[in-house]
Amino acid sequence: MIGVIKEQAIEAMSTHLPVRFEPAEANPWINAVMIEPASANAPATITQVLRPAS
């Protein structure tokens, strides 16, 4: 879940019940994937990017 309090996301996934999500404000991170193409149909490399936002 992007941008929500992680404990609420874990609760929703583990109980399979609806959970009201609140936006997370502490400890922001940037999560991304950088894909460099080799050809039109295949990637040369796929690199995961995980960095603290602050």
PDB file of N, CA and C in Angstrom:
ATOM      1  N   MET A   1       0.847  -1.160   0.000  1.00  0.00           N
ATOM      2  CA  MET A   1       0.000   0.000   0.000  1.00  0.00           C
ATOM      3  C   MET A   1       0.900   1.233   0.000  1.00  0.00           C
ATOM      4  N   ILE A   2       0.673   2.117  -0.895  1.00  0.00           N
ATOM      5  CA  ILE A   2       1.519   3.294  -1.008  1.00  0.00           C
ATOM      6  C   ILE A   2       0.910   4.453  -0.228  1.00  0.00           C
ATOM      7  N   GLY A   3       1.697   5.040   0.668  1.00  0.00           N
ATOM      8  CA  GLY A   3       1.291   6.245   1.359  1.00  0.00           C
ATOM      9  C   GLY A   3       0.392   6.064   2.558  1.00  0.00           C
ATOM     10  N   VAL A   4       0.292   4.849   3.092  1.00  0.00           N
ATOM     11  CA  VAL A   4      -0.541   4.633   4.278  1.00  0.00           C
ATOM     12  C   VAL A   4       0.317   4.137   5.433  1.00  0.00           C
ATOM     13  N   ILE A   5      -0.236   4.200   6.628  1.00  0.00           N
ATOM     14  CA  ILE A   5       0.464   3.706   7.811  1.00  0.00           C
ATOM     15  C   ILE A   5       0.654   2.202   7.656  1.00  0.00           C
ATOM     16  N   LYS A   6       1.898   1.725   7.795  1.00  0.00           N
ATOM     17  CA  LYS A   6       2.217   0.334   7.456  1.00  0.00           C
ATOM     18  C   LYS A   6       1.475  -0.674   8.313  1.00  0.00           C
ATOM     19  N   GLU A   7       1.205  -0.367   9.583  1.00  0.00           N
ATOM     20  CA  GLU A   7       0.485  -1.312  10.442  1.00  0.00           C
ATOM     21  C   GLU A   7      -0.936  -1.542   9.937  1.00  0.00           C
ATOM     22  N   GLN A   8      -1.561  -0.504   9.388  1.00  0.00           N
ATOM     23  CA  GLN A   8      -2.905  -0.653   8.832  1.00  0.00           C
ATOM     24  C   GLN A   8      -2.878  -1.515   7.573  1.00  0.00           C
ATOM     25  N   ALA A   9      -1.867  -1.345   6.742  1.00  0.00           N
ATOM     26  CA  ALA A   9      -1.741  -2.159   5.538  1.00  0.00           C
ATOM     27  C   ALA A   9      -1.506  -3.618   5.897  1.00  0.00           C
ATOM     28  N   ILE A  10      -0.660  -3.879   6.894  1.00  0.00           N
ATOM     29  CA  ILE A  10      -0.388  -5.254   7.331  1.00  0.00           C
ATOM     30  C   ILE A  10      -1.652  -5.884   7.892  1.00  0.00           C
ATOM     31  N   GLU A  11      -2.419  -5.120   8.673  1.00  0.00           N
ATOM     32  CA  GLU A  11      -3.674  -5.634   9.231  1.00  0.00           C
ATOM     33  C   GLU A  11      -4.652  -6.012   8.119  1.00  0.00           C
ATOM     34  N   ALA A  12      -4.790  -5.169   7.111  1.00  0.00           N
ATOM     35  CA  ALA A  12      -5.704  -5.446   6.004  1.00  0.00           C
ATOM     36  C   ALA A  12      -5.292  -6.700   5.241  1.00  0.00           C
ATOM     37  N   MET A  13      -3.992  -6.879   5.027  1.00  0.00           N
ATOM     38  CA  MET A  13      -3.516  -8.050   4.280  1.00  0.00           C
ATOM     39  C   MET A  13      -3.598  -9.328   5.100  1.00  0.00           C
ATOM     40  N   SER A  14      -3.399  -9.236   6.403  1.00  0.00           N
ATOM     41  CA  SER A  14      -3.392 -10.454   7.222  1.00  0.00           C
ATOM     42  C   SER A  14      -4.790 -10.894   7.639  1.00  0.00           C
ATOM     43  N   THR A  15      -5.735  -9.961   7.787  1.00  0.00           N
ATOM     44  CA  THR A  15      -7.091 -10.334   8.208  1.00  0.00           C
ATOM     45  C   THR A  15      -8.064 -10.458   7.045  1.00  0.00           C
ATOM     46  N   HIS A  16      -7.722  -9.909   5.885  1.00  0.00           N
ATOM     47  CA  HIS A  16      -8.599  -9.892   4.707  1.00  0.00           C
ATOM     48  C   HIS A  16      -9.923  -9.200   5.008  1.00  0.00           C
ATOM     49  N   LEU A  17      -9.896  -8.243   5.933  1.00  0.00           N
ATOM     50  CA  LEU A  17     -11.073  -7.457   6.283  1.00  0.00           C
ATOM     51  C   LEU A  17     -10.826  -5.999   5.907  1.00  0.00           C
ATOM     52  N   PRO A  18     -11.897  -5.250   5.648  1.00  0.00           N
ATOM     53  CA  PRO A  18     -11.712  -3.832   5.311  1.00  0.00           C
ATOM     54  C   PRO A  18     -11.089  -3.054   6.466  1.00  0.00           C
ATOM     55  N   VAL A  19     -10.170  -2.181   6.139  1.00  0.00           N
ATOM     56  CA  VAL A  19      -9.499  -1.330   7.126  1.00  0.00           C
ATOM     57  C   VAL A  19      -9.508   0.094   6.582  1.00  0.00           C
ATOM     58  N   ARG A  20      -9.865   1.049   7.426  1.00  0.00           N
ATOM     59  CA  ARG A  20      -9.816   2.450   7.003  1.00  0.00           C
ATOM     60  C   ARG A  20      -8.361   2.920   7.098  1.00  0.00           C
ATOM     61  N   PHE A  21      -7.803   3.330   5.963  1.00  0.00           N
ATOM     62  CA  PHE A  21      -6.408   3.745   5.916  1.00  0.00           C
ATOM     63  C   PHE A  21      -6.275   5.230   6.215  1.00  0.00           C
ATOM     64  N   GLU A  22      -5.200   5.568   6.911  1.00  0.00           N
ATOM     65  CA  GLU A  22      -4.837   6.957   7.169  1.00  0.00           C
ATOM     66  C   GLU A  22      -3.509   7.228   6.470  1.00  0.00           C
ATOM     67  N   PRO A  23      -3.321   8.430   5.939  1.00  0.00           N
ATOM     68  CA  PRO A  23      -2.061   8.724   5.262  1.00  0.00           C
ATOM     69  C   PRO A  23      -0.875   8.702   6.224  1.00  0.00           C
ATOM     70  N   ALA A  24       0.216   8.139   5.765  1.00  0.00           N
ATOM     71  CA  ALA A  24       1.446   8.108   6.567  1.00  0.00           C
ATOM     72  C   ALA A  24       2.148   9.451   6.442  1.00  0.00           C
ATOM     73  N   GLU A  25       2.658   9.946   7.553  1.00  0.00           N
ATOM     74  CA  GLU A  25       3.371  11.224   7.528  1.00  0.00           C
ATOM     75  C   GLU A  25       4.810  11.091   8.002  1.00  0.00           C
ATOM     76  N   ALA A  26       5.150   9.998   8.667  1.00  0.00           N
ATOM     77  CA  ALA A  26       6.497   9.808   9.203  1.00  0.00           C
ATOM     78  C   ALA A  26       7.299   8.863   8.315  1.00  0.00           C
ATOM     79  N   ASN A  27       8.600   9.078   8.278  1.00  0.00           N
ATOM     80  CA  ASN A  27       9.547   8.189   7.609  1.00  0.00           C
ATOM     81  C   ASN A  27       9.214   7.938   6.132  1.00  0.00           C
ATOM     82  N   PRO A  28       9.119   8.985   5.300  1.00  0.00           N
ATOM     83  CA  PRO A  28       8.815   8.776   3.882  1.00  0.00           C
ATOM     84  C   PRO A  28      10.004   8.180   3.123  1.00  0.00           C
ATOM     85  N   TRP A  29       9.721   7.320   2.171  1.00  0.00           N
ATOM     86  CA  TRP A  29      10.736   6.696   1.326  1.00  0.00           C
ATOM     87  C   TRP A  29      10.341   6.837  -0.134  1.00  0.00           C
ATOM     88  N   ILE A  30      11.333   6.846  -0.998  1.00  0.00           N
ATOM     89  CA  ILE A  30      11.111   6.809  -2.438  1.00  0.00           C
ATOM     90  C   ILE A  30      11.345   5.372  -2.883  1.00  0.00           C
ATOM     91  N   ASN A  31      10.331   4.774  -3.498  1.00  0.00           N
ATOM     92  CA  ASN A  31      10.416   3.408  -4.015  1.00  0.00           C
ATOM     93  C   ASN A  31      10.167   3.470  -5.516  1.00  0.00           C
ATOM     94  N   ALA A  32      11.105   2.966  -6.293  1.00  0.00           N
ATOM     95  CA  ALA A  32      10.966   3.038  -7.742  1.00  0.00           C
ATOM     96  C   ALA A  32      11.714   1.884  -8.396  1.00  0.00           C
ATOM     97  N   VAL A  33      11.492   1.745  -9.687  1.00  0.00           N
ATOM     98  CA  VAL A  33      12.218   0.772 -10.498  1.00  0.00           C
ATOM     99  C   VAL A  33      12.741   1.509 -11.722  1.00  0.00           C
ATOM    100  N   MET A  34      14.041   1.349 -12.002  1.00  0.00           N
ATOM    101  CA  MET A  34      14.645   1.956 -13.178  1.00  0.00           C
ATOM    102  C   MET A  34      14.892   0.845 -14.200  1.00  0.00           C
ATOM    103  N   ILE A  35      14.293   0.999 -15.380  1.00  0.00           N
ATOM    104  CA  ILE A  35      14.410  -0.014 -16.435  1.00  0.00           C
ATOM    105  C   ILE A  35      15.177   0.586 -17.603  1.00  0.00           C
ATOM    106  N   GLU A  36      16.269  -0.080 -17.973  1.00  0.00           N
ATOM    107  CA  GLU A  36      17.046   0.337 -19.136  1.00  0.00           C
ATOM    108  C   GLU A  36      16.769  -0.651 -20.264  1.00  0.00           C
ATOM    109  N   PRO A  37      16.245  -0.181 -21.386  1.00  0.00           N
ATOM    110  CA  PRO A  37      15.882  -1.092 -22.474  1.00  0.00           C
ATOM    111  C   PRO A  37      17.092  -1.595 -23.261  1.00  0.00           C
ATOM    112  N   ALA A  38      17.018  -2.855 -23.674  1.00  0.00           N
ATOM    113  CA  ALA A  38      18.033  -3.442 -24.548  1.00  0.00           C
ATOM    114  C   ALA A  38      17.510  -3.437 -25.981  1.00  0.00           C
ATOM    115  N   SER A  39      16.226  -3.751 -26.113  1.00  0.00           N
ATOM    116  CA  SER A  39      15.564  -3.731 -27.415  1.00  0.00           C
ATOM    117  C   SER A  39      14.113  -3.335 -27.179  1.00  0.00           C
ATOM    118  N   ALA A  40      13.313  -3.392 -28.213  1.00  0.00           N
ATOM    119  CA  ALA A  40      11.909  -2.990 -28.086  1.00  0.00           C
ATOM    120  C   ALA A  40      11.119  -3.913 -27.166  1.00  0.00           C
ATOM    121  N   ASN A  41      11.543  -5.167 -27.028  1.00  0.00           N
ATOM    122  CA  ASN A  41      10.757  -6.140 -26.272  1.00  0.00           C
ATOM    123  C   ASN A  41      11.433  -6.690 -25.022  1.00  0.00           C
ATOM    124  N   ALA A  42      12.634  -6.228 -24.700  1.00  0.00           N
ATOM    125  CA  ALA A  42      13.336  -6.811 -23.555  1.00  0.00           C
ATOM    126  C   ALA A  42      14.155  -5.755 -22.817  1.00  0.00           C
ATOM    127  N   PRO A  43      14.140  -5.816 -21.484  1.00  0.00           N
ATOM    128  CA  PRO A  43      14.972  -4.886 -20.722  1.00  0.00           C
ATOM    129  C   PRO A  43      16.413  -5.378 -20.626  1.00  0.00           C
ATOM    130  N   ALA A  44      17.363  -4.451 -20.609  1.00  0.00           N
ATOM    131  CA  ALA A  44      18.769  -4.808 -20.398  1.00  0.00           C
ATOM    132  C   ALA A  44      19.009  -5.005 -18.911  1.00  0.00           C
ATOM    133  N   THR A  45      18.533  -4.038 -18.109  1.00  0.00           N
ATOM    134  CA  THR A  45      18.662  -4.140 -16.655  1.00  0.00           C
ATOM    135  C   THR A  45      17.412  -3.572 -15.991  1.00  0.00           C
ATOM    136  N   ILE A  46      17.094  -4.119 -14.834  1.00  0.00           N
ATOM    137  CA  ILE A  46      16.021  -3.605 -13.986  1.00  0.00           C
ATOM    138  C   ILE A  46      16.638  -3.374 -12.617  1.00  0.00           C
ATOM    139  N   THR A  47      16.626  -2.135 -12.148  1.00  0.00           N
ATOM    140  CA  THR A  47      17.257  -1.774 -10.889  1.00  0.00           C
ATOM    141  C   THR A  47      16.219  -1.216  -9.928  1.00  0.00           C
ATOM    142  N   GLN A  48      16.165  -1.774  -8.719  1.00  0.00           N
ATOM    143  CA  GLN A  48      15.257  -1.276  -7.692  1.00  0.00           C
ATOM    144  C   GLN A  48      15.897  -0.084  -6.993  1.00  0.00           C
ATOM    145  N   VAL A  49      15.113   0.969  -6.753  1.00  0.00           N
ATOM    146  CA  VAL A  49      15.594   2.170  -6.078  1.00  0.00           C
ATOM    147  C   VAL A  49      14.802   2.341  -4.782  1.00  0.00           C
ATOM    148  N   LEU A  50      15.485   2.309  -3.638  1.00  0.00           N
ATOM    149  CA  LEU A  50      14.884   2.530  -2.325  1.00  0.00           C
ATOM    150  C   LEU A  50      15.721   3.573  -1.603  1.00  0.00           C
ATOM    151  N   ARG A  51      15.145   4.754  -1.361  1.00  0.00           N
ATOM    152  CA  ARG A  51      15.898   5.824  -0.709  1.00  0.00           C
ATOM    153  C   ARG A  51      15.001   6.593   0.245  1.00  0.00           C
ATOM    154  N   PRO A  52      15.554   7.017   1.386  1.00  0.00           N
ATOM    155  CA  PRO A  52      14.777   7.893   2.268  1.00  0.00           C
ATOM    156  C   PRO A  52      14.480   9.208   1.551  1.00  0.00           C
ATOM    157  N   ALA A  53      13.273   9.722   1.701  1.00  0.00           N
ATOM    158  CA  ALA A  53      12.884  10.952   1.005  1.00  0.00           C
ATOM    159  C   ALA A  53      13.484  12.192   1.648  1.00  0.00           C
ATOM    160  N   SER A  54      13.866  12.106   2.902  1.00  0.00           N
ATOM    161  CA  SER A  54      14.413  13.305   3.546  1.00  0.00           C
ATOM    162  C   SER A  54      15.864  13.147   3.897  1.00  0.00           C
TER     163      SER A  54
END
